Amino acid sequence: MPMLPLRSLRRPHSVEPVVWCHPDCEEVIGRGCSGSVRLARTRSTGSLCAVKAVSKENWYEAALREARILKLLAGHAGIIRLLETFEDDSCVYLVLEYVEGGELLDDIVLRKEGSQTNERRVAGIMQQVFEALAFCHDEHQVVHRDVKPENILVERNQGHEIPRTRLIDFGCAALPNEHVEFAGTLPYMAPEAVKHCGRSSVSSAVDSWSTGVVLHALLIGQLLPKDVQVGRAPWTACGDEWIYPGAPSPLACDLLSGLLRQEPQARLSAAEAALHPWISVCLESVQDELQSKPDAMRLPVLPRAAGYMTPESKGAARLFAQAAGPKIIRSLLKQLSVLDLEPEELIWRCDADAMLRTSQVNAASPLGVVGDDLARQALSTCLGDGSDAHVLQSTWCTWLEIAAHEASSANNLDAALLALEANFSCKRTASLSDVSTQAPTPRADVCESACFNGGASARCGGA
């Protein structure tokens, strides 16, 4: 594969093929160890593009290498397209297609905050990643070496459950059996890559391991346990995060087991992973719907456990706490304890409004909270709109508890409200305590330090 000739890069500054959207160099949409990414428009068509500026000081050869690899991989829908290259005295510029959306890391952060996994969405995203990597490995013998959520862009498609994805940042890419320097992002690197710091040969199995770590994070919001990451222990689906209601399915665990094998030669290839039964089962209904209704991708979300709170519902509970105040929430909790309903019984919107009116009278609230727009908007998030809006009793109970904690914190009433909640909880049946348990919070020592606070890259190139 010959190097790009310099004449294909050098251009007089006055005829740069792009017009910068933000002339200020600090206005960037991404930043890495070798440079930054800024938004621009192409002079030829006026369309938006992302321009990756790579410093010549230490990364010149890496930039040229990434450019020629992207040219080699041109044409696959799951890989970012290189539109143009040029350079000036300080940087090499890679003009890339602009993907409106965000990083896959956003999905993991949402999962970390407590949302239940939508395995159909995860399967649709991962299938695209597997197919893009299979194209790299099998068609062009290119190993990415830095597969991680930050290097997978998710296109913003409103109303579509399964978005289109792009694999980006080939600055660490290499050819199989090529002896290259240690590179990648440590939490996602295969054990054999970590053990061979320095120069070593490359295998496509390192990408299989990395996609396994990404899938693990998407399913439960956590990176691998330390012993598994460094190769001291095999991966198994154990622990509380794998047994709560709505935990990842056995088929998803089977795919993870195939990707996270310690022996590189025993791992599933990207092509094999793309055809795994878990992906086929999750996406079967998607294909049926697309055949009957090609423009539709809106699919029902998998059922949630009773009492489970989405991030939107939690936010609405906190908003309600601000509008209603602690006295009204205390009254609502008392009324609910008197009703003594079963967890699966329904609270209707009219019942909730009646309890709220009673709570206002009891609390002598001057706010008129029933008519307060913020409070009603928050109630609609939990209960829905209309006379037939309703919610499970266990979910309503959990929602009020979140509001109580928010109100107690905002009004320095922690002791009073928490004592009330403890008394209220004692009156609830054992079955209610079981079903209202929320999904476990991912371990901060793993996620925060390794994934969400940087996961610093030890890289051979790329931003």
Protein backbone atom coordinates (compact mmCIF):
# COMPACT_ATOMS: atom_id res chain seq x y z
CA MET A 1 0.00 0.00 0.00
CA PRO A 2 1.97 3.10 -1.15
CA MET A 3 2.12 6.26 0.93
CA LEU A 4 0.00 9.18 -0.17
CA PRO A 5 2.12 11.49 -2.34
CA LEU A 6 2.73 14.83 -0.69
CA ARG A 7 1.36 16.67 -3.73
CA SER A 8 -2.05 15.19 -2.84
CA LEU A 9 -1.88 16.98 0.50
CA ARG A 10 -0.09 20.25 -0.06
CA ARG A 11 -2.27 23.17 -1.04
CA PRO A 12 -1.83 26.93 -0.75
CA HIS A 13 -3.63 28.16 2.35
CA SER A 14 -5.89 30.38 0.25
CA VAL A 15 -7.48 27.41 -1.50
CA GLU A 16 -8.20 25.12 1.45
CA PRO A 17 -11.02 22.79 0.38
CA VAL A 18 -13.11 23.75 3.43
CA VAL A 19 -14.55 26.85 5.04
CA TRP A 20 -14.34 26.75 8.84
CA CYS A 21 -17.66 27.14 10.64
CA HIS A 22 -15.85 28.51 13.70
CA PRO A 23 -12.63 30.35 12.81
CA ASP A 24 -11.61 30.32 16.45
CA CYS A 25 -9.36 27.28 16.87
CA GLU A 26 -10.82 26.65 20.34
CA GLU A 27 -14.24 25.84 18.85
CA VAL A 28 -13.81 22.08 18.49
CA ILE A 29 -16.23 19.15 18.43
CA GLY A 30 -13.63 16.61 19.52
CA ARG A 31 -10.13 16.46 20.89
CA GLY A 32 -7.52 13.72 21.24
CA CYS A 33 -3.85 13.27 22.05
CA SER A 34 -2.72 14.00 18.47
CA GLY A 35 -5.02 16.85 17.52
CA SER A 36 -8.59 18.10 17.37
CA VAL A 37 -11.73 17.90 15.22
CA ARG A 38 -13.50 21.05 14.05
CA LEU A 39 -16.68 21.66 12.09
CA ALA A 40 -16.44 23.05 8.55
CA ARG A 41 -18.19 23.15 5.18
CA THR A 42 -16.75 21.85 1.93
CA ARG A 43 -16.16 24.50 -0.69
CA SER A 44 -17.34 22.19 -3.47
CA THR A 45 -20.83 21.34 -2.13
CA GLY A 46 -21.31 23.48 0.99
CA SER A 47 -22.13 20.38 3.07
CA LEU A 48 -21.01 20.04 6.67
CA CYS A 49 -17.86 18.04 7.36
CA ALA A 50 -15.63 17.24 10.30
CA VAL A 51 -11.97 18.18 9.86
CA LYS A 52 -9.45 16.27 11.94
CA ALA A 53 -6.26 18.31 12.39
CA VAL A 54 -3.26 16.14 13.27
CA SER A 55 -0.10 17.82 14.48
CA LYS A 56 2.94 17.23 12.29
CA GLU A 57 5.33 17.47 15.20
CA ASN A 58 4.90 13.88 16.42
CA TRP A 59 2.07 12.41 14.36
CA TYR A 60 2.86 13.13 10.71
CA GLU A 61 3.46 9.52 9.68
CA ALA A 62 0.43 8.39 11.70
CA ALA A 63 -1.79 10.92 9.92
CA LEU A 64 -0.64 9.74 6.49
CA ARG A 65 -1.18 6.14 7.56
CA GLU A 66 -4.72 6.86 8.77
CA ALA A 67 -5.53 8.67 5.53
CA ARG A 68 -4.42 5.81 3.32
CA ILE A 69 -6.25 3.24 5.49
CA LEU A 70 -9.47 5.27 5.25
CA LYS A 71 -9.06 5.45 1.46
CA LEU A 72 -8.60 1.69 1.42
CA LEU A 73 -11.81 1.18 3.47
CA ALA A 74 -13.91 3.63 1.45
CA GLY A 75 -17.38 2.46 0.51
CA HIS A 76 -18.60 0.69 3.66
CA ALA A 77 -21.63 2.35 5.28
CA GLY A 78 -20.42 1.56 8.80
CA ILE A 79 -17.01 3.27 8.42
CA ILE A 80 -16.48 7.03 8.43
CA ARG A 81 -15.73 8.38 4.93
CA LEU A 82 -12.60 10.36 4.12
CA LEU A 83 -13.59 13.17 1.74
CA GLU A 84 -10.34 15.10 1.30
CA THR A 85 -6.85 15.63 2.70
CA PHE A 86 -4.65 18.73 2.84
CA GLU A 87 -1.92 20.18 5.02
CA ASP A 88 -0.25 23.40 6.12
CA ASP A 89 3.00 24.06 7.94
CA SER A 90 1.80 22.69 11.29
CA CYS A 91 -0.91 20.07 10.64
CA VAL A 92 -2.24 17.41 8.33
CA TYR A 93 -6.02 17.76 7.86
CA LEU A 94 -8.36 14.83 7.24
CA VAL A 95 -11.75 16.01 5.94
CA LEU A 96 -14.33 13.46 7.12
CA GLU A 97 -18.07 13.09 6.66
CA TYR A 98 -20.03 14.78 9.43
CA VAL A 99 -22.35 12.54 11.44
CA GLU A 100 -25.03 14.43 13.34
CA GLY A 101 -25.52 12.63 16.60
CA GLY A 102 -23.13 11.55 19.34
CA GLU A 103 -20.79 8.88 20.60
CA LEU A 104 -21.91 5.45 21.70
CA LEU A 105 -20.55 6.46 25.10
CA ASP A 106 -23.77 8.46 25.57
CA ASP A 107 -25.74 5.18 25.51
CA ILE A 108 -23.50 3.73 28.19
CA VAL A 109 -23.87 6.82 30.37
CA LEU A 110 -27.66 6.54 30.04
CA ARG A 111 -27.44 2.86 30.97
CA LYS A 112 -25.21 3.80 33.92
CA GLU A 113 -27.85 6.21 35.19
CA GLY A 114 -30.35 3.37 35.58
CA SER A 115 -32.25 2.90 32.34
CA GLN A 116 -33.08 -0.70 31.49
CA THR A 117 -31.20 -2.22 28.56
CA ASN A 118 -33.10 -2.30 25.28
CA GLU A 119 -31.39 -5.37 23.86
CA ARG A 120 -32.93 -4.84 20.43
CA ARG A 121 -31.27 -1.44 20.11
CA VAL A 122 -27.96 -2.77 21.44
CA ALA A 123 -28.08 -5.72 19.01
CA GLY A 124 -28.79 -3.40 16.07
CA ILE A 125 -25.85 -1.16 16.96
CA MET A 126 -23.45 -4.02 17.61
CA GLN A 127 -24.40 -5.80 14.38
CA GLN A 128 -23.28 -2.71 12.45
CA VAL A 129 -20.03 -2.54 14.41
CA PHE A 130 -19.34 -6.25 13.81
CA GLU A 131 -20.06 -5.93 10.09
CA ALA A 132 -17.77 -2.89 9.76
CA LEU A 133 -14.96 -4.74 11.53
CA ALA A 134 -15.54 -7.87 9.43
CA PHE A 135 -15.11 -5.69 6.33
CA CYS A 136 -11.84 -4.36 7.74
CA HIS A 137 -10.53 -7.78 8.79
CA ASP A 138 -11.69 -10.01 5.96
CA GLU A 139 -11.75 -7.73 2.94
CA HIS A 140 -8.73 -5.52 3.63
CA GLN A 141 -6.80 -7.15 6.49
CA VAL A 142 -6.95 -4.00 8.63
CA VAL A 143 -7.12 -4.25 12.44
CA HIS A 144 -8.60 -1.17 14.14
CA ARG A 145 -6.89 -1.69 17.56
CA ASP A 146 -8.83 1.07 19.35
CA VAL A 147 -12.48 0.00 19.32
CA LYS A 148 -14.26 1.79 22.16
CA PRO A 149 -17.55 3.70 22.63
CA GLU A 150 -15.88 7.05 21.89
CA ASN A 151 -14.86 5.72 18.46
CA ILE A 152 -18.36 4.62 17.47
CA LEU A 153 -20.62 7.45 16.30
CA VAL A 154 -24.38 7.02 16.59
CA GLU A 155 -26.43 8.95 14.06
CA ARG A 156 -29.32 10.96 15.41
CA ASN A 157 -32.49 9.50 13.85
CA GLN A 158 -35.55 10.80 15.63
CA GLY A 159 -38.22 8.12 15.93
CA HIS A 160 -35.85 5.31 14.94
CA GLU A 161 -35.02 2.80 17.61
CA ILE A 162 -31.90 1.47 15.89
CA PRO A 163 -29.65 4.29 14.64
CA ARG A 164 -26.97 4.04 11.97
CA THR A 165 -23.43 3.88 13.35
CA ARG A 166 -19.95 4.74 12.05
CA LEU A 167 -16.61 3.36 13.15
CA ILE A 168 -14.10 6.22 13.39
CA ASP A 169 -10.49 7.00 14.35
CA PHE A 170 -8.18 4.60 12.52
CA GLY A 171 -5.07 6.29 13.88
CA CYS A 172 -4.01 3.09 15.67
CA ALA A 173 -4.95 0.73 12.82
CA ALA A 174 -2.47 -1.86 11.57
CA LEU A 175 -2.25 -4.87 9.29
CA PRO A 176 -2.37 -8.45 10.65
CA ASN A 177 1.01 -9.89 11.67
CA GLU A 178 2.56 -6.44 11.31
CA HIS A 179 4.99 -5.63 14.15
CA VAL A 180 3.86 -2.27 15.56
CA GLU A 181 4.03 -0.36 18.81
CA PHE A 182 1.64 -1.02 21.70
CA ALA A 183 -1.51 1.09 21.14
CA GLY A 184 -5.14 1.36 22.18
CA THR A 185 -7.19 2.37 25.22
CA LEU A 186 -6.32 0.26 28.26
CA PRO A 187 -9.80 -0.73 29.57
CA TYR A 188 -10.71 -2.05 26.09
CA MET A 189 -7.40 -3.70 25.18
CA ALA A 190 -7.12 -7.47 24.95
CA PRO A 191 -4.98 -9.12 27.67
CA GLU A 192 -2.35 -10.25 25.17
CA ALA A 193 -1.97 -6.68 23.88
CA VAL A 194 -1.45 -5.33 27.40
CA LYS A 195 1.10 -8.04 28.23
CA HIS A 196 3.21 -7.29 25.14
CA CYS A 197 3.98 -3.62 25.71
CA GLY A 198 6.37 -2.40 23.06
CA ARG A 199 6.42 -3.83 19.54
CA SER A 200 4.36 -6.94 18.84
CA SER A 201 2.43 -8.61 16.03
CA VAL A 202 -1.21 -7.72 15.44
CA SER A 203 -4.23 -10.03 15.33
CA SER A 204 -7.86 -9.23 14.52
CA ALA A 205 -8.73 -11.02 17.80
CA VAL A 206 -7.83 -7.83 19.68
CA ASP A 207 -10.81 -6.10 18.01
CA SER A 208 -13.08 -9.00 19.00
CA TRP A 209 -12.09 -8.54 22.64
CA SER A 210 -12.64 -4.77 22.46
CA THR A 211 -16.14 -5.19 21.02
CA GLY A 212 -16.86 -7.62 23.85
CA VAL A 213 -15.93 -4.93 26.38
CA VAL A 214 -18.14 -2.41 24.54
CA LEU A 215 -21.06 -4.86 24.53
CA HIS A 216 -20.51 -5.58 28.24
CA ALA A 217 -20.65 -1.86 29.00
CA LEU A 218 -23.80 -1.37 26.88
CA LEU A 219 -25.61 -4.25 28.59
CA ILE A 220 -24.86 -3.44 32.24
CA GLY A 221 -23.10 -0.07 32.30
CA GLN A 222 -19.81 -1.48 33.59
CA LEU A 223 -16.37 -2.29 32.28
CA LEU A 224 -14.84 -5.69 32.91
CA PRO A 225 -13.63 -6.69 36.39
CA LYS A 226 -9.93 -5.95 36.77
CA ASP A 227 -8.87 -9.61 36.95
CA VAL A 228 -10.68 -10.36 33.68
CA GLN A 229 -9.31 -7.26 31.97
CA VAL A 230 -5.68 -8.20 32.61
CA GLY A 231 -6.18 -11.90 31.88
CA ARG A 232 -5.94 -13.33 35.40
CA ALA A 233 -9.48 -14.75 35.41
CA PRO A 234 -12.02 -15.89 32.78
CA TRP A 235 -15.14 -13.86 32.19
CA THR A 236 -18.42 -15.22 33.59
CA ALA A 237 -21.89 -13.73 33.96
CA CYS A 238 -22.03 -13.61 37.73
CA GLY A 239 -22.89 -11.03 40.35
CA ASP A 240 -26.02 -9.05 41.17
CA GLU A 241 -25.78 -7.03 37.95
CA TRP A 242 -26.64 -10.18 35.96
CA ILE A 243 -29.63 -11.45 37.98
CA TYR A 244 -31.92 -8.46 38.60
CA PRO A 245 -35.24 -8.28 36.73
CA GLY A 246 -34.54 -7.21 33.17
CA ALA A 247 -30.86 -8.28 33.25
CA PRO A 248 -29.20 -9.26 29.95
CA SER A 249 -30.56 -12.41 28.33
CA PRO A 250 -28.70 -15.76 28.26
CA LEU A 251 -28.10 -15.37 24.53
CA ALA A 252 -26.41 -12.00 25.11
CA CYS A 253 -24.22 -13.64 27.75
CA ASP A 254 -23.33 -16.39 25.28
CA LEU A 255 -22.12 -13.83 22.74
CA LEU A 256 -20.04 -12.12 25.43
CA SER A 257 -18.52 -15.47 26.38
CA GLY A 258 -17.46 -15.98 22.76
CA LEU A 259 -15.85 -12.54 22.49
CA LEU A 260 -14.15 -12.44 25.89
CA ARG A 261 -12.18 -15.67 25.76
CA GLN A 262 -8.65 -15.36 27.09
CA GLU A 263 -7.16 -17.34 24.18
CA PRO A 264 -7.16 -15.08 21.08
CA GLN A 265 -7.61 -17.97 18.65
CA ALA A 266 -10.71 -19.14 20.54
CA ARG A 267 -12.60 -15.84 20.23
CA LEU A 268 -15.42 -15.28 17.78
CA SER A 269 -14.42 -13.30 14.73
CA ALA A 270 -16.32 -10.12 13.89
CA ALA A 271 -18.09 -11.93 11.02
CA GLU A 272 -19.16 -14.77 13.34
CA ALA A 273 -20.36 -12.32 15.99
CA ALA A 274 -22.51 -10.49 13.41
CA LEU A 275 -24.35 -13.78 12.76
CA HIS A 276 -24.75 -14.80 16.42
CA PRO A 277 -28.26 -16.05 17.38
CA TRP A 278 -28.70 -13.22 19.90
CA ILE A 279 -28.53 -10.64 17.13
CA SER A 280 -30.77 -12.72 14.87
CA VAL A 281 -33.42 -13.14 17.59
CA CYS A 282 -33.34 -9.48 18.64
CA LEU A 283 -33.57 -8.16 15.08
CA GLU A 284 -35.97 -10.71 13.59
CA SER A 285 -39.02 -8.56 14.34
CA VAL A 286 -37.18 -5.52 12.98
CA GLN A 287 -36.73 -7.22 9.60
CA ASP A 288 -40.38 -8.32 9.53
CA GLU A 289 -41.52 -4.78 10.19
CA LEU A 290 -39.18 -3.26 7.64
CA GLN A 291 -40.51 -5.61 4.95
CA SER A 292 -44.11 -4.66 5.68
CA LYS A 293 -43.43 -0.99 6.44
CA PRO A 294 -40.05 0.14 5.07
CA ASP A 295 -40.09 3.62 6.59
CA ALA A 296 -40.84 2.38 10.13
CA MET A 297 -38.20 1.64 12.70
CA ARG A 298 -40.17 2.59 15.80
CA LEU A 299 -40.46 -0.53 17.93
CA PRO A 300 -41.88 -1.26 21.37
CA VAL A 301 -39.43 -1.15 24.25
CA LEU A 302 -38.94 -4.36 26.20
CA PRO A 303 -41.19 -4.51 29.31
CA ARG A 304 -39.77 -2.97 32.47
CA ALA A 305 -39.84 -4.46 35.94
CA ALA A 306 -42.52 -3.09 38.25
CA GLY A 307 -41.28 -0.10 40.19
CA TYR A 308 -38.47 0.57 37.72
CA MET A 309 -37.63 4.23 37.09
CA THR A 310 -36.37 5.65 33.82
CA PRO A 311 -34.06 8.69 33.96
CA GLU A 312 -36.96 10.79 32.61
CA SER A 313 -39.24 9.64 35.43
CA LYS A 314 -36.55 10.33 38.03
CA GLY A 315 -36.09 13.81 36.65
CA ALA A 316 -39.85 14.37 36.72
CA ALA A 317 -39.97 13.25 40.37
CA ARG A 318 -37.32 15.80 41.28
CA LEU A 319 -39.19 18.49 39.34
CA PHE A 320 -42.38 17.58 41.19
CA ALA A 321 -40.54 17.84 44.50
CA GLN A 322 -39.49 21.40 43.68
CA ALA A 323 -43.04 22.42 42.73
CA ALA A 324 -44.93 20.59 45.49
CA GLY A 325 -42.64 20.82 48.49
CA PRO A 326 -42.05 18.35 51.35
CA LYS A 327 -45.40 18.72 53.12
CA ILE A 328 -47.46 17.71 50.08
CA ILE A 329 -45.19 14.76 49.31
CA ARG A 330 -45.42 13.65 52.95
CA SER A 331 -49.20 13.72 52.69
CA LEU A 332 -49.17 11.72 49.45
CA LEU A 333 -47.01 9.05 51.07
CA LYS A 334 -49.35 8.83 54.05
CA GLN A 335 -52.39 8.44 51.82
CA LEU A 336 -50.70 5.71 49.84
CA SER A 337 -49.85 3.79 53.00
CA VAL A 338 -53.48 3.95 54.13
CA LEU A 339 -54.74 2.58 50.78
CA ASP A 340 -52.66 -0.59 51.28
CA LEU A 341 -52.76 -1.58 47.59
CA GLU A 342 -51.02 -4.55 45.99
CA PRO A 343 -47.90 -3.71 43.93
CA GLU A 344 -49.54 -4.59 40.61
CA GLU A 345 -52.71 -2.58 41.27
CA LEU A 346 -53.11 0.63 39.29
CA ILE A 347 -53.11 4.25 40.40
CA TRP A 348 -55.29 6.18 37.97
CA ARG A 349 -54.70 9.82 37.07
CA CYS A 350 -57.97 10.88 38.66
CA ASP A 351 -56.97 9.12 41.91
CA ALA A 352 -53.59 10.84 41.90
CA ASP A 353 -55.26 14.23 41.33
CA ALA A 354 -57.67 13.55 44.20
CA MET A 355 -54.82 12.63 46.54
CA LEU A 356 -52.96 15.75 45.45
CA ARG A 357 -55.96 17.99 46.18
CA THR A 358 -56.30 16.41 49.61
CA SER A 359 -52.60 16.89 50.21
CA GLN A 360 -52.86 20.57 49.34
CA VAL A 361 -55.63 21.09 51.85
CA ASN A 362 -53.75 19.20 54.55
CA ALA A 363 -50.53 21.08 53.84
CA ALA A 364 -52.29 24.44 53.44
CA SER A 365 -50.08 25.05 50.46
CA PRO A 366 -50.26 28.54 48.92
CA LEU A 367 -48.73 27.31 45.64
CA GLY A 368 -51.84 25.90 44.02
CA VAL A 369 -49.76 22.94 42.95
CA VAL A 370 -52.62 21.08 41.19
CA GLY A 371 -52.70 23.85 38.64
CA ASP A 372 -48.96 24.39 38.58
CA ASP A 373 -47.61 23.70 35.08
CA LEU A 374 -44.36 22.20 36.31
CA ALA A 375 -46.09 19.84 38.70
CA ARG A 376 -48.64 18.70 36.12
CA GLN A 377 -45.92 18.17 33.53
CA ALA A 378 -44.02 16.04 36.05
CA LEU A 379 -47.16 14.02 36.87
CA SER A 380 -47.79 13.43 33.18
CA THR A 381 -44.31 11.95 32.81
CA CYS A 382 -45.10 9.40 35.49
CA LEU A 383 -48.82 8.78 34.90
CA GLY A 384 -49.44 9.85 31.32
CA ASP A 385 -52.09 12.26 30.03
CA GLY A 386 -55.84 11.81 29.80
CA SER A 387 -58.50 10.25 32.01
CA ASP A 388 -57.23 6.73 31.35
CA ALA A 389 -53.64 7.54 32.38
CA HIS A 390 -52.35 5.24 35.10
CA VAL A 391 -49.26 3.70 36.68
CA LEU A 392 -48.49 0.62 38.78
CA GLN A 393 -48.75 1.21 42.50
CA SER A 394 -45.16 0.06 42.99
CA THR A 395 -43.93 2.55 40.37
CA TRP A 396 -45.97 5.38 41.92
CA CYS A 397 -44.49 4.50 45.31
CA THR A 398 -40.91 4.56 43.98
CA TRP A 399 -41.59 7.83 42.17
CA LEU A 400 -42.83 9.47 45.38
CA GLU A 401 -39.83 8.17 47.31
CA ILE A 402 -37.47 9.82 44.81
CA ALA A 403 -39.45 13.06 45.15
CA ALA A 404 -39.28 12.75 48.96
CA HIS A 405 -35.51 12.44 48.93
CA GLU A 406 -35.24 15.48 46.65
CA ALA A 407 -37.59 17.53 48.82
CA SER A 408 -35.82 16.51 52.02
CA SER A 409 -32.44 17.51 50.60
CA ALA A 410 -33.71 20.85 49.26
CA ASN A 411 -35.45 21.78 52.53
CA ASN A 412 -33.06 20.29 55.10
CA LEU A 413 -35.71 17.86 56.26
CA ASP A 414 -33.78 14.66 55.78
CA ALA A 415 -34.47 13.23 59.20
CA ALA A 416 -38.23 13.87 59.15
CA LEU A 417 -38.90 12.61 55.64
CA LEU A 418 -36.58 9.66 55.82
CA ALA A 419 -38.17 8.57 59.09
CA LEU A 420 -41.57 8.84 57.42
CA GLU A 421 -40.36 6.73 54.50
CA ALA A 422 -38.96 4.11 56.86
CA ASN A 423 -42.33 3.92 58.62
CA PHE A 424 -44.11 3.78 55.27
CA SER A 425 -41.83 1.02 53.99
CA CYS A 426 -42.62 -1.15 56.99
CA LYS A 427 -46.28 -1.14 56.00
CA ARG A 428 -45.56 -2.35 52.50
CA THR A 429 -45.86 -6.03 51.77
CA ALA A 430 -42.80 -8.20 51.16
CA SER A 431 -43.79 -8.62 47.54
CA LEU A 432 -43.78 -4.84 47.06
CA SER A 433 -40.26 -4.64 48.42
CA ASP A 434 -39.20 -7.31 45.96
CA VAL A 435 -40.67 -5.81 42.80
CA SER A 436 -39.72 -2.19 43.44
CA THR A 437 -36.03 -2.92 43.66
CA GLN A 438 -34.25 -0.82 41.04
CA ALA A 439 -31.44 -1.96 38.81
CA PRO A 440 -28.08 -1.89 40.62
CA THR A 441 -25.88 1.15 40.25
CA PRO A 442 -22.69 0.34 38.33
CA ARG A 443 -19.57 0.30 40.44
CA ALA A 444 -18.00 3.73 40.53
CA ASP A 445 -14.50 2.39 40.94
CA VAL A 446 -14.74 0.63 37.58
CA CYS A 447 -16.86 2.93 35.42
CA GLU A 448 -15.92 6.37 36.69
CA SER A 449 -12.17 5.95 36.75
CA ALA A 450 -11.69 3.76 33.70
CA CYS A 451 -14.48 4.58 31.27
CA PHE A 452 -16.35 7.79 31.95
CA ASN A 453 -13.44 9.89 33.11
CA GLY A 454 -11.30 9.44 30.09
CA GLY A 455 -9.99 5.92 29.70
CA ALA A 456 -6.76 7.51 28.54
CA SER A 457 -5.45 6.19 25.25
CA ALA A 458 -1.96 4.81 24.85
CA ARG A 459 -1.88 5.43 21.15
CA CYS A 460 0.25 5.15 18.10
CA GLY A 461 -1.74 7.87 16.31
CA GLY A 462 -5.13 9.44 15.72
CA ALA A 463 -7.06 12.07 17.60
